[in-house]
Protein backbone atom coordinates (compact mmCIF):
# COMPACT_ATOMS: atom_id res chain seq x y z
CA MET A 1 69.80 -32.38 11.02
CA LYS A 2 66.96 -30.10 10.59
CA ALA A 3 63.36 -31.21 10.78
CA LEU A 4 61.19 -31.39 7.56
CA PHE A 5 58.54 -29.33 9.01
CA THR A 6 58.79 -26.44 10.81
CA GLN A 7 55.99 -25.80 13.15
CA LYS A 8 55.34 -22.01 13.73
CA THR A 9 53.57 -21.18 16.55
CA PRO A 10 50.13 -19.53 15.16
CA ARG A 11 49.85 -15.97 16.14
CA LYS A 12 47.38 -14.89 18.14
CA SER A 13 44.50 -12.84 16.08
CA ARG A 14 44.06 -9.67 16.80
CA GLY A 15 40.73 -7.83 16.98
CA PHE A 16 39.84 -4.65 15.05
CA THR A 17 41.39 -1.01 16.25
CA LEU A 18 39.39 1.55 17.14
CA ILE A 19 39.75 3.61 13.62
CA GLU A 20 38.87 0.65 11.65
CA LEU A 21 35.80 0.48 13.39
CA LEU A 22 34.88 3.93 13.07
CA VAL A 23 35.57 3.67 9.51
CA VAL A 24 33.34 1.22 8.87
CA LEU A 25 30.56 2.92 10.71
CA ALA A 26 31.10 5.97 8.87
CA ILE A 27 30.70 4.65 6.13
CA LEU A 28 27.63 2.66 6.71
CA THR A 29 26.23 5.84 7.97
CA LEU A 30 27.13 7.55 4.58
CA LEU A 31 25.09 4.60 2.67
CA ALA A 32 22.13 4.98 4.76
CA GLY A 33 21.96 8.51 4.52
CA LEU A 34 22.05 8.24 1.00
CA VAL A 35 19.74 4.72 0.15
CA GLY A 36 17.43 5.55 3.18
CA PRO A 37 15.41 8.43 1.58
CA LYS A 38 14.96 6.70 -2.12
CA VAL A 39 13.72 3.87 -0.13
CA LEU A 40 11.36 5.76 2.24
CA SER A 41 10.07 7.43 -0.83
CA GLN A 42 9.23 4.55 -2.59
CA LEU A 43 7.61 2.98 0.28
CA GLY A 44 5.29 6.14 0.70
CA GLY A 45 4.09 6.00 -3.10
CA ALA A 46 3.45 2.23 -2.75
CA LYS A 47 0.34 3.28 -0.33
CA SER A 48 -1.34 5.47 -3.05
CA LYS A 49 -0.54 2.94 -5.62
CA THR A 50 -2.36 0.28 -3.43
CA ALA A 51 -5.18 2.42 -3.21
CA GLY A 52 -5.43 2.93 -6.81
CA VAL A 53 -5.60 -0.89 -7.52
CA GLN A 54 -8.38 -1.10 -4.24
CA ILE A 55 -10.50 1.62 -6.13
CA ALA A 56 -10.04 -0.47 -9.70
CA ASP A 57 -11.25 -3.40 -7.62
CA LEU A 58 -14.36 -1.76 -6.04
CA GLN A 59 -15.08 -0.38 -9.82
CA LYS A 60 -15.24 -4.15 -10.81
CA ALA A 61 -17.30 -5.26 -8.27
CA LEU A 62 -19.50 -2.57 -8.80
CA ASP A 63 -19.87 -3.25 -12.53
CA ILE A 64 -20.84 -7.15 -11.68
CA PHE A 65 -23.57 -5.43 -9.17
CA LYS A 66 -24.76 -3.52 -12.08
CA LEU A 67 -24.81 -6.64 -14.62
CA ASP A 68 -26.39 -8.91 -11.70
CA THR A 69 -29.18 -5.73 -10.83
CA GLY A 70 -29.60 -3.31 -13.77
CA ARG A 71 -28.21 -0.39 -11.77
CA TYR A 72 -25.30 0.77 -9.48
CA PRO A 73 -25.84 1.17 -5.68
CA THR A 74 -27.39 4.64 -4.98
CA THR A 75 -25.04 6.97 -2.76
CA GLU A 76 -27.05 6.19 0.28
CA GLU A 77 -26.48 2.70 -0.19
CA GLY A 78 -22.96 2.90 -1.00
CA LEU A 79 -20.39 0.20 -1.15
CA ASP A 80 -21.84 -1.92 1.76
CA ALA A 81 -24.30 -2.59 -1.19
CA LEU A 82 -21.24 -5.12 -2.21
CA ALA A 83 -21.02 -6.85 0.89
CA LYS A 84 -24.58 -6.81 2.10
CA GLN A 85 -27.84 -6.94 0.52
CA PRO A 86 -29.79 -3.82 0.41
CA GLY A 87 -33.55 -4.56 0.92
CA ASN A 88 -35.03 -3.58 -2.21
CA VAL A 89 -33.06 -5.06 -5.03
CA ARG A 90 -33.70 -7.73 -6.66
CA GLY A 91 -31.36 -9.72 -8.77
CA TRP A 92 -28.28 -9.60 -6.00
CA ASN A 93 -26.08 -12.55 -6.11
CA GLY A 94 -23.07 -11.18 -3.93
CA PRO A 95 -21.16 -10.45 -2.07
CA TYR A 96 -19.51 -9.23 -4.19
CA LEU A 97 -16.22 -8.38 -2.33
CA SER A 98 -14.52 -11.28 -0.20
CA GLY A 99 -14.16 -9.76 3.33
CA GLY A 100 -15.84 -7.04 2.95
CA VAL A 101 -15.62 -3.22 1.84
CA PRO A 102 -11.88 -2.74 2.67
CA ASN A 103 -10.94 0.63 4.02
CA ASP A 104 -8.08 2.78 2.19
CA PRO A 105 -4.38 2.41 2.94
CA TRP A 106 -4.79 5.10 5.62
CA ASN A 107 -7.77 3.27 7.61
CA ASN A 108 -10.08 5.67 6.22
CA PRO A 109 -13.52 4.46 4.51
CA TYR A 110 -13.40 5.13 1.05
CA ARG A 111 -15.98 7.38 -0.53
CA TYR A 112 -18.93 6.68 -3.07
CA SER A 113 -21.22 8.46 -4.82
CA TYR A 114 -23.41 7.86 -7.52
CA ASN A 115 -24.85 10.71 -9.39
CA GLY A 116 -26.54 10.86 -13.04
CA GLY A 117 -24.98 7.36 -14.20
CA ARG A 118 -21.46 8.60 -12.67
CA VAL A 119 -19.90 6.28 -10.40
CA ASP A 120 -17.19 8.08 -7.76
CA ILE A 121 -14.83 6.25 -5.67
CA LEU A 122 -12.25 8.56 -3.71
CA SER A 123 -9.76 8.45 -0.96
CA LEU A 124 -8.71 11.58 0.57
CA GLY A 125 -5.01 10.04 0.99
CA SER A 126 -2.73 10.55 3.95
CA ASP A 127 -4.20 13.86 4.89
CA GLY A 128 -7.91 12.66 5.11
CA GLN A 129 -8.43 16.53 3.47
CA PRO A 130 -9.42 17.14 -0.20
CA GLY A 131 -6.66 17.98 -2.50
CA GLY A 132 -2.80 17.84 -1.52
CA GLU A 133 -0.19 16.89 -3.34
CA GLY A 134 2.23 13.64 -2.84
CA GLU A 135 0.83 11.16 -0.39
CA ALA A 136 -1.88 13.49 0.63
CA ALA A 137 -3.19 13.52 -2.67
CA ASP A 138 -6.92 12.34 -3.54
CA VAL A 139 -6.81 8.89 -5.11
CA ARG A 140 -9.88 8.17 -7.36
CA ASN A 141 -11.47 5.89 -9.89
CA ALA A 142 -11.00 6.61 -13.39
CA GLN A 143 -14.47 7.05 -14.80
């Protein structure tokens, strides 16, 4: 009489062949070549966007400074007037920035000037030079 359940010995699992591994590596390399540049370009643009957001925050802090003191900081006082009270300013109710004045995303200080009612806040971009394109382009306030 035959046994109702026949037991088969399990086959030993085989590993991957060299050709299968090479095909998988080729596919991964193609994907990295197609997707990598897109991701890196998005990361680069993020620094310019971050600079724009920081400049907008600095502009808001400057506007609050003006509400309290009746004027914007002079070019000589600079953005430091948002973190430390200049000696001759009345009505200062700061600090207007928590953590002090930030550097731009490329770790350079923001440039500030106040000329005849116009406030200018500027980051020179990744190259630290005026002008430029892409990540090296200047980022400034919209005033």
